[in-house]
Amino acid sequence: MARRRPRTERAPRISRRTAALTALGAASLVLFSVLVPVQTVLYGTSLPLSFILGAALCAAPLMSLRHPRWAIALFCAAAFTLPLLVVPALATEAPWPWSVPALLTFVILVGVVTFVHGARAGVFPLAIGALLSLTAPLLRPEVVATPETAGSVTADLIVTTSLAAAMFLVAVLVAGRVRVSAELTREREHSALEESRRALVEERTRIARELHDVIAHSMSVIQVQASTARYRLPEIGDAASAEFDSIAATARTSLTEMRRMLGVLRTEDQTAELAPQQGIDDIPALVDTIRRAGVTVGLEITGSVTDAPQAVQIAAFRIAQEALSNAVRHASGAAVTVRVQADPDAVGIRVRNGRAPGSPASPGGGYGLRGMRERVELLGGSFDAGPTTGGGWEVIASLPLRDAPPRDNTPEQPEETP
């Protein structure tokens, strides 16, 4: 039985806010189009006044979104004036002092103000509107002269106040639910972020543990064996002893780098070491180490490199170190040249090796070129690596001394083959 593909949720075409604004605007327009003819025909109000007061009444809910005080004042002024401009004979035959469109507008205003601006703000239109509606029978006593009309007016006031109060309560509950839902969404996002951070810390801790238990232990064994070789093997000569001392020194340096890296990986439970990182001034010592391994290395450093930023210093050293390591590993026996040129704008590194005397090395599968490229791009520089016309390999990097935005496009990474 074929598996059904999971449905991909489509993004809504319009947001909820836009839909709510559209619905509120449509309701205000419909109420205005009904209120004007109702007020003119059923209550005898002149058409210009019906237009002006109806527009003020129906525009108040939309205005309350940004200016609630002005909206409440405008609505109350219109709601106070409109019941007074009626013909008493006609007003006794229709709901008064609140017509049906005016009643619905009042209810909508209370709901919008309460939902958007809170319960305290929503109390004002509810209370002021209810109190103003009581002044209409006092100012127009002829409308409530008979018991039948007085009962009708009382029922109209009760219904209007009850519906507005119910809308107030509904708006308070809905606003509270929306607020709680937003808080829960924020809490879920925070929990997901904390979970990802915890997973990252656990992964870094696992890597640090593996590096400490495997790599650091092996380097310690190499350092101890190389340091004690002249005492355990007295028949070896001075040249061999010097080589073993060089191996021990390199192992100690690697252990120092390992401890620094472990401190960075495990910053949650210990402070990283603050020992200075190698820079461009340490490249000659690095080249001497490679030369002691029997590799012919030429070094040329031009320009003032002491003023380069620390990030550029570290990146230049690491690029030269990785490029030399690749040359020794993949082109054993080939001569290598290292050129470092500093100018006022950038530091350039060029590491080039010739063709290996023997058969060409197999392509490497490591991450050296990727690491060098990432270091350069983090500083906003340029990086290039590839074979030369003579069958060798060349690494070229340019590190800007001024701030430059890192490039987003990462070109295809060549194989790590010198």
Protein backbone atom coordinates (compact mmCIF):
# COMPACT_ATOMS: atom_id res chain seq x y z
CA MET A 1 0.00 0.00 0.00
CA ALA A 2 1.53 3.29 -1.07
CA ARG A 3 2.35 5.76 1.68
CA ARG A 4 0.57 9.06 1.55
CA ARG A 5 2.73 12.10 1.39
CA PRO A 6 2.47 14.39 4.39
CA ARG A 7 0.57 17.54 3.71
CA THR A 8 2.57 20.71 3.64
CA GLU A 9 0.85 23.52 5.48
CA ARG A 10 0.30 26.53 3.29
CA ALA A 11 0.99 29.93 4.67
CA PRO A 12 -2.19 31.99 5.09
CA ARG A 13 -2.74 34.47 2.31
CA ILE A 14 -3.69 37.22 4.75
CA SER A 15 -2.79 37.61 8.39
CA ARG A 16 -5.30 37.48 11.21
CA ARG A 17 -4.73 41.14 11.95
CA THR A 18 -5.54 42.10 8.36
CA ALA A 19 -8.65 39.91 8.39
CA ALA A 20 -9.83 41.46 11.68
CA LEU A 21 -9.29 44.99 10.37
CA THR A 22 -11.16 44.15 7.18
CA ALA A 23 -14.08 42.68 9.13
CA LEU A 24 -14.22 45.67 11.48
CA GLY A 25 -14.15 48.12 8.57
CA ALA A 26 -16.87 46.21 6.73
CA ALA A 27 -19.06 46.14 9.86
CA SER A 28 -18.63 49.88 10.40
CA LEU A 29 -19.52 50.60 6.76
CA VAL A 30 -22.62 48.39 6.89
CA LEU A 31 -23.80 49.94 10.15
CA PHE A 32 -23.29 53.44 8.76
CA SER A 33 -25.25 52.61 5.59
CA VAL A 34 -28.13 51.32 7.72
CA LEU A 35 -28.03 53.90 10.51
CA VAL A 36 -28.42 56.98 8.26
CA PRO A 37 -31.68 55.97 6.56
CA VAL A 38 -33.09 54.48 9.78
CA GLN A 39 -32.34 57.65 11.74
CA THR A 40 -33.78 59.84 8.99
CA VAL A 41 -36.94 57.88 8.21
CA LEU A 42 -37.90 56.28 11.53
CA TYR A 43 -36.80 59.07 13.89
CA GLY A 44 -37.22 62.19 11.76
CA THR A 45 -33.64 63.42 12.07
CA SER A 46 -32.48 65.65 9.23
CA LEU A 47 -30.35 63.90 6.63
CA PRO A 48 -27.18 66.07 7.02
CA LEU A 49 -27.16 65.56 10.79
CA SER A 50 -27.77 61.84 10.32
CA PHE A 51 -24.77 61.66 8.01
CA ILE A 52 -22.45 63.60 10.34
CA LEU A 53 -23.47 61.95 13.61
CA GLY A 54 -23.73 58.52 11.99
CA ALA A 55 -20.21 58.85 10.58
CA ALA A 56 -18.87 59.87 14.01
CA LEU A 57 -20.68 56.99 15.66
CA CYS A 58 -19.60 54.29 13.19
CA ALA A 59 -16.03 55.54 12.79
CA ALA A 60 -15.33 55.32 16.53
CA PRO A 61 -14.56 51.53 16.58
CA LEU A 62 -11.92 51.92 13.86
CA MET A 63 -10.44 55.02 15.49
CA SER A 64 -10.24 53.24 18.85
CA LEU A 65 -7.50 50.94 17.53
CA ARG A 66 -4.95 53.78 17.63
CA HIS A 67 -6.65 56.59 19.55
CA PRO A 68 -9.05 55.11 22.12
CA ARG A 69 -9.59 58.36 24.06
CA TRP A 70 -10.55 60.37 20.99
CA ALA A 71 -12.73 57.51 19.76
CA ILE A 72 -14.61 57.30 23.08
CA ALA A 73 -15.10 61.07 23.17
CA LEU A 74 -16.34 61.16 19.56
CA PHE A 75 -18.71 58.25 20.12
CA CYS A 76 -20.12 59.66 23.34
CA ALA A 77 -20.73 63.07 21.73
CA ALA A 78 -22.61 61.48 18.83
CA ALA A 79 -24.49 59.05 21.07
CA PHE A 80 -25.54 61.95 23.33
CA THR A 81 -26.70 64.20 20.49
CA LEU A 82 -28.40 61.71 18.18
CA PRO A 83 -31.33 60.71 20.51
CA LEU A 84 -32.14 64.37 21.14
CA LEU A 85 -32.67 65.19 17.45
CA VAL A 86 -35.77 63.08 16.97
CA VAL A 87 -39.45 63.77 16.41
CA PRO A 88 -41.29 62.62 19.58
CA ALA A 89 -44.20 61.15 17.65
CA LEU A 90 -41.84 58.97 15.58
CA ALA A 91 -39.50 58.07 18.46
CA THR A 92 -42.34 56.41 20.38
CA GLU A 93 -42.82 53.93 17.54
CA ALA A 94 -39.18 52.74 17.35
CA PRO A 95 -36.48 51.71 19.86
CA TRP A 96 -35.24 54.82 21.66
CA PRO A 97 -32.79 56.26 22.77
CA TRP A 98 -30.68 53.52 21.13
CA SER A 99 -31.61 52.47 17.64
CA VAL A 100 -30.55 49.02 16.54
CA PRO A 101 -27.56 50.21 14.41
CA ALA A 102 -26.41 52.55 17.20
CA LEU A 103 -26.76 49.73 19.73
CA LEU A 104 -24.61 47.40 17.62
CA THR A 105 -22.00 50.13 17.15
CA PHE A 106 -21.89 50.68 20.91
CA VAL A 107 -21.38 46.97 21.52
CA ILE A 108 -18.61 46.77 18.91
CA LEU A 109 -16.83 49.80 20.39
CA VAL A 110 -16.84 48.30 23.88
CA GLY A 111 -15.51 45.00 22.54
CA VAL A 112 -12.74 46.55 20.45
CA VAL A 113 -11.48 48.87 23.20
CA THR A 114 -11.53 46.08 25.77
CA PHE A 115 -9.80 43.53 23.55
CA VAL A 116 -7.10 45.85 22.21
CA HIS A 117 -6.41 48.13 25.18
CA GLY A 118 -7.44 46.04 28.18
CA ALA A 119 -10.30 45.79 30.65
CA ARG A 120 -9.54 49.12 32.34
CA ALA A 121 -9.86 50.99 29.07
CA GLY A 122 -13.02 49.07 28.13
CA VAL A 123 -14.82 50.16 31.29
CA PHE A 124 -14.87 53.80 30.18
CA PRO A 125 -17.00 53.47 26.99
CA LEU A 126 -19.28 50.99 28.76
CA ALA A 127 -19.93 53.22 31.77
CA ILE A 128 -20.02 56.53 29.90
CA GLY A 129 -22.32 55.16 27.18
CA ALA A 130 -24.72 53.72 29.75
CA LEU A 131 -24.82 56.97 31.76
CA LEU A 132 -25.31 59.15 28.68
CA SER A 133 -28.22 57.03 27.54
CA LEU A 134 -29.99 57.90 30.81
CA THR A 135 -29.79 61.61 30.10
CA ALA A 136 -31.88 61.37 26.91
CA PRO A 137 -35.20 60.63 28.74
CA LEU A 138 -34.44 63.47 31.18
CA LEU A 139 -33.82 65.99 28.38
CA ARG A 140 -36.72 64.78 26.20
CA PRO A 141 -39.49 63.93 28.71
CA GLU A 142 -42.19 64.16 26.08
CA VAL A 143 -40.93 60.91 24.56
CA VAL A 144 -41.58 59.02 27.81
CA ALA A 145 -44.83 60.79 28.71
CA THR A 146 -46.96 57.63 28.63
CA PRO A 147 -46.41 54.40 30.56
CA GLU A 148 -46.09 52.42 27.30
CA THR A 149 -43.29 54.61 25.96
CA ALA A 150 -41.56 54.70 29.35
CA GLY A 151 -41.58 50.92 29.46
CA SER A 152 -40.21 50.71 25.91
CA VAL A 153 -37.39 53.14 26.74
CA THR A 154 -36.56 51.23 29.92
CA ALA A 155 -36.42 47.95 28.01
CA ASP A 156 -34.19 49.57 25.34
CA LEU A 157 -31.77 50.83 27.99
CA ILE A 158 -31.66 47.44 29.75
CA VAL A 159 -31.04 45.52 26.53
CA THR A 160 -28.33 47.93 25.39
CA THR A 161 -26.50 47.91 28.72
CA SER A 162 -26.79 44.12 29.01
CA LEU A 163 -25.40 43.49 25.53
CA ALA A 164 -22.54 45.95 26.05
CA ALA A 165 -21.68 44.37 29.42
CA ALA A 166 -21.78 40.89 27.87
CA MET A 167 -19.46 42.05 25.07
CA PHE A 168 -17.14 43.51 27.70
CA LEU A 169 -16.90 40.17 29.51
CA VAL A 170 -16.43 38.23 26.27
CA ALA A 171 -13.67 40.60 25.14
CA VAL A 172 -11.90 40.25 28.51
CA LEU A 173 -12.00 36.45 28.29
CA VAL A 174 -10.88 36.32 24.66
CA ALA A 175 -8.05 38.80 25.28
CA GLY A 176 -6.89 36.73 28.25
CA ARG A 177 -6.93 33.57 26.18
CA VAL A 178 -4.95 35.22 23.39
CA ARG A 179 -2.43 36.54 25.91
CA VAL A 180 -2.01 33.13 27.52
CA SER A 181 -1.63 31.51 24.08
CA ALA A 182 1.08 34.03 23.15
CA GLU A 183 2.90 33.36 26.42
CA LEU A 184 2.71 29.61 25.84
CA THR A 185 4.11 30.09 22.33
CA ARG A 186 6.99 32.13 23.71
CA GLU A 187 7.62 29.50 26.36
CA ARG A 188 7.67 26.75 23.74
CA GLU A 189 10.12 28.72 21.63
CA HIS A 190 12.29 29.34 24.69
CA SER A 191 12.15 25.64 25.62
CA ALA A 192 13.12 24.64 22.08
CA LEU A 193 16.02 27.10 22.15
CA GLU A 194 17.20 25.78 25.51
CA GLU A 195 16.89 22.22 24.23
CA SER A 196 19.05 23.03 21.20
CA ARG A 197 21.59 24.73 23.44
CA ARG A 198 21.66 21.75 25.77
CA ALA A 199 22.13 19.40 22.84
CA LEU A 200 24.98 21.59 21.57
CA VAL A 201 26.65 21.59 24.99
CA GLU A 202 26.29 17.82 25.27
CA GLU A 203 27.79 17.34 21.81
CA ARG A 204 30.69 19.64 22.61
CA THR A 205 31.25 17.80 25.88
CA ARG A 206 31.25 14.47 24.08
CA ILE A 207 33.79 15.74 21.54
CA ALA A 208 35.97 17.15 24.30
CA ARG A 209 35.82 13.86 26.18
CA GLU A 210 36.83 11.89 23.10
CA LEU A 211 39.68 14.30 22.37
CA HIS A 212 40.90 14.10 25.96
CA ASP A 213 40.61 10.33 26.31
CA VAL A 214 42.02 9.35 22.89
CA ILE A 215 44.02 12.07 21.16
CA ALA A 216 45.48 13.76 24.24
CA HIS A 217 46.43 10.42 25.75
CA SER A 218 48.20 9.34 22.57
CA MET A 219 50.06 12.64 22.32
CA SER A 220 51.13 12.30 25.95
CA VAL A 221 52.53 8.85 25.23
CA ILE A 222 54.43 10.21 22.20
CA GLN A 223 55.85 13.06 24.26
CA VAL A 224 56.98 10.77 27.08
CA GLN A 225 58.54 8.23 24.73
CA ALA A 226 60.38 10.92 22.76
CA SER A 227 61.61 12.66 25.91
CA THR A 228 62.95 9.48 27.49
CA ALA A 229 64.40 7.98 24.29
CA ARG A 230 67.99 9.13 25.01
CA TYR A 231 67.85 7.48 28.45
CA ARG A 232 66.15 4.28 27.35
CA LEU A 233 68.27 3.87 24.22
CA PRO A 234 71.85 4.92 25.09
CA GLU A 235 73.23 3.62 21.78
CA ILE A 236 71.52 6.31 19.69
CA GLY A 237 73.63 9.23 18.53
CA ASP A 238 73.34 12.94 19.14
CA ALA A 239 71.51 13.56 15.88
CA ALA A 240 68.84 11.00 16.74
CA SER A 241 68.57 12.44 20.25
CA ALA A 242 68.01 15.89 18.78
CA GLU A 243 65.27 14.51 16.55
CA PHE A 244 63.57 12.87 19.53
CA ASP A 245 63.79 16.16 21.45
CA SER A 246 62.17 17.94 18.52
CA ILE A 247 59.39 15.34 18.44
CA ALA A 248 58.85 15.80 22.18
CA ALA A 249 58.70 19.58 21.79
CA THR A 250 56.16 19.27 19.00
CA ALA A 251 54.10 16.88 21.11
CA ARG A 252 54.16 19.30 24.05
CA THR A 253 53.03 22.13 21.78
CA SER A 254 50.22 19.95 20.44
CA LEU A 255 49.15 19.08 23.98
CA THR A 256 49.03 22.78 24.83
CA GLU A 257 46.85 23.41 21.79
CA MET A 258 44.70 20.44 22.76
CA ARG A 259 44.20 21.78 26.28
CA ARG A 260 43.25 25.18 24.89
CA MET A 261 40.74 23.59 22.51
CA LEU A 262 39.30 21.48 25.31
CA GLY A 263 38.89 24.62 27.38
CA VAL A 264 36.92 26.23 24.57
CA LEU A 265 34.75 23.16 24.08
CA ARG A 266 34.01 22.77 27.78
CA THR A 267 33.40 26.36 28.77
CA GLU A 268 30.30 25.33 30.70
CA ASP A 269 32.31 23.89 33.59
CA GLN A 270 35.75 25.46 33.33
CA THR A 271 37.42 28.60 32.06
CA ALA A 272 39.33 28.48 28.81
CA GLU A 273 43.04 29.10 29.04
CA LEU A 274 44.15 32.59 28.23
CA ALA A 275 47.52 31.69 26.71
CA PRO A 276 48.31 33.75 23.60
CA GLN A 277 47.60 32.19 20.23
CA GLN A 278 50.27 31.86 17.57
CA GLY A 279 50.55 34.65 15.03
CA ILE A 280 52.55 35.63 11.96
CA ASP A 281 55.71 36.03 14.06
CA ASP A 282 55.50 32.30 14.88
CA ILE A 283 55.55 31.21 11.23
CA PRO A 284 59.39 31.10 11.08
CA ALA A 285 59.45 28.68 14.02
CA LEU A 286 56.82 26.59 12.26
CA VAL A 287 58.93 26.53 9.10
CA ASP A 288 62.00 25.48 11.11
CA THR A 289 60.03 22.56 12.52
CA ILE A 290 59.11 21.44 9.01
CA ARG A 291 62.71 21.83 7.86
CA ARG A 292 63.93 19.58 10.68
CA ALA A 293 61.67 16.90 9.23
CA GLY A 294 63.75 16.99 6.05
CA VAL A 295 61.53 19.20 3.89
CA THR A 296 63.01 22.04 1.88
CA VAL A 297 61.00 25.13 2.80
CA GLY A 298 61.62 28.67 1.65
CA LEU A 299 60.18 31.55 3.70
CA GLU A 300 59.68 35.19 2.75
CA ILE A 301 57.90 37.72 4.98
CA THR A 302 57.61 41.29 3.71
CA GLY A 303 55.94 44.29 5.25
CA SER A 304 55.04 45.08 8.85
CA VAL A 305 52.91 42.33 10.34
CA THR A 306 53.02 43.37 14.00
CA ASP A 307 50.08 45.77 13.65
CA ALA A 308 47.71 43.17 12.19
CA PRO A 309 44.62 42.35 14.31
CA GLN A 310 44.75 39.26 16.50
CA ALA A 311 42.13 37.46 14.40
CA VAL A 312 44.21 38.01 11.25
CA GLN A 313 47.36 36.87 13.05
CA ILE A 314 45.76 33.60 14.17
CA ALA A 315 44.16 32.92 10.78
CA ALA A 316 47.44 33.55 8.93
CA PHE A 317 49.35 31.16 11.16
CA ARG A 318 46.70 28.43 10.93
CA ILE A 319 46.49 28.72 7.15
CA ALA A 320 50.27 28.46 6.79
CA GLN A 321 50.32 25.53 9.22
CA GLU A 322 47.59 23.62 7.40
CA ALA A 323 49.05 24.34 3.95
CA LEU A 324 52.50 23.13 5.04
CA SER A 325 50.97 20.03 6.61
CA ASN A 326 49.14 19.25 3.35
CA ALA A 327 52.32 19.75 1.34
CA VAL A 328 54.33 17.42 3.59
CA ARG A 329 51.57 14.79 3.62
CA HIS A 330 50.56 14.78 -0.04
CA ALA A 331 53.77 15.87 -1.81
CA SER A 332 56.51 14.27 0.22
CA GLY A 333 59.96 15.35 -1.00
CA ALA A 334 58.77 18.40 -2.94
CA ALA A 335 60.14 21.84 -2.16
CA VAL A 336 57.75 24.32 -0.53
CA THR A 337 57.77 28.10 -0.55
CA VAL A 338 55.89 30.27 1.94
CA ARG A 339 55.35 33.95 1.23
CA VAL A 340 53.65 36.36 3.63
CA GLN A 341 53.16 39.92 2.39
CA ALA A 342 51.59 42.65 4.51
CA ASP A 343 50.40 45.94 3.10
CA PRO A 344 48.18 48.68 4.59
CA ASP A 345 44.97 46.92 3.49
CA ALA A 346 45.52 43.17 3.75
CA VAL A 347 47.87 40.33 4.63
CA GLY A 348 48.50 37.85 1.82
CA ILE A 349 49.63 34.26 2.33
CA ARG A 350 50.87 32.10 -0.52
CA VAL A 351 52.07 28.52 0.07
CA ARG A 352 53.27 26.64 -3.00
CA ASN A 353 54.86 23.25 -3.40
CA GLY A 354 56.40 21.61 -6.44
CA ARG A 355 55.61 18.29 -8.01
CA ALA A 356 56.29 15.27 -5.82
CA PRO A 357 59.33 13.20 -6.99
CA GLY A 358 57.38 9.96 -6.90
CA SER A 359 53.93 9.08 -8.08
CA PRO A 360 51.24 11.65 -7.41
CA ALA A 361 49.49 11.33 -4.08
CA SER A 362 45.93 10.14 -3.89
CA PRO A 363 43.30 12.80 -3.28
CA GLY A 364 42.81 13.59 0.38
CA GLY A 365 39.48 13.30 2.10
CA GLY A 366 40.03 15.67 5.02
CA TYR A 367 38.65 19.06 5.90
CA GLY A 368 41.82 21.17 5.74
CA LEU A 369 40.83 23.26 2.72
CA ARG A 370 37.33 23.76 4.07
CA GLY A 371 38.71 24.95 7.40
CA MET A 372 41.10 27.40 5.73
CA ARG A 373 38.32 28.74 3.51
CA GLU A 374 36.01 29.22 6.49
CA ARG A 375 38.68 31.09 8.43
CA VAL A 376 39.25 33.46 5.51
CA GLU A 377 35.56 34.07 4.81
CA LEU A 378 34.86 34.84 8.46
CA LEU A 379 37.28 37.74 8.11
CA GLY A 380 35.80 38.83 4.78
CA GLY A 381 38.86 37.84 2.74
CA SER A 382 39.44 35.74 -0.35
CA PHE A 383 40.77 32.19 -0.66
CA ASP A 384 41.90 30.07 -3.58
CA ALA A 385 43.56 26.69 -3.77
CA GLY A 386 44.35 24.46 -6.71
CA PRO A 387 46.99 22.73 -8.83
CA THR A 388 49.70 24.67 -10.60
CA THR A 389 50.87 24.28 -14.18
CA GLY A 390 54.00 22.45 -13.03
CA GLY A 391 52.08 19.70 -11.27
CA GLY A 392 52.30 21.20 -7.79
CA TRP A 393 49.74 22.80 -5.52
CA GLU A 394 49.19 26.38 -4.41
CA VAL A 395 47.20 27.96 -1.60
CA ILE A 396 46.50 31.71 -1.78
CA ALA A 397 44.69 33.66 0.93
CA SER A 398 44.11 37.37 1.44
CA LEU A 399 43.09 38.60 4.90
CA PRO A 400 41.81 42.20 5.06
CA LEU A 401 43.06 44.37 7.90
CA ARG A 402 39.86 46.42 7.93
CA ASP A 403 36.36 45.23 8.70
CA ALA A 404 34.68 43.67 5.68
CA PRO A 405 31.37 41.84 5.44
CA PRO A 406 31.77 38.07 5.06
CA ARG A 407 30.69 36.65 1.76
CA ASP A 408 27.55 34.51 1.67
CA ASN A 409 28.33 32.55 -1.48
CA THR A 410 30.74 29.70 -0.84
CA PRO A 411 32.37 28.42 -4.04
CA GLU A 412 32.80 24.78 -4.70
CA GLN A 413 35.60 23.42 -2.53
CA PRO A 414 38.37 21.64 -4.41
CA GLU A 415 39.70 18.32 -3.33
CA GLU A 416 42.41 18.52 -0.72
CA THR A 417 45.20 17.46 -3.04
CA PRO A 418 48.36 19.56 -3.29
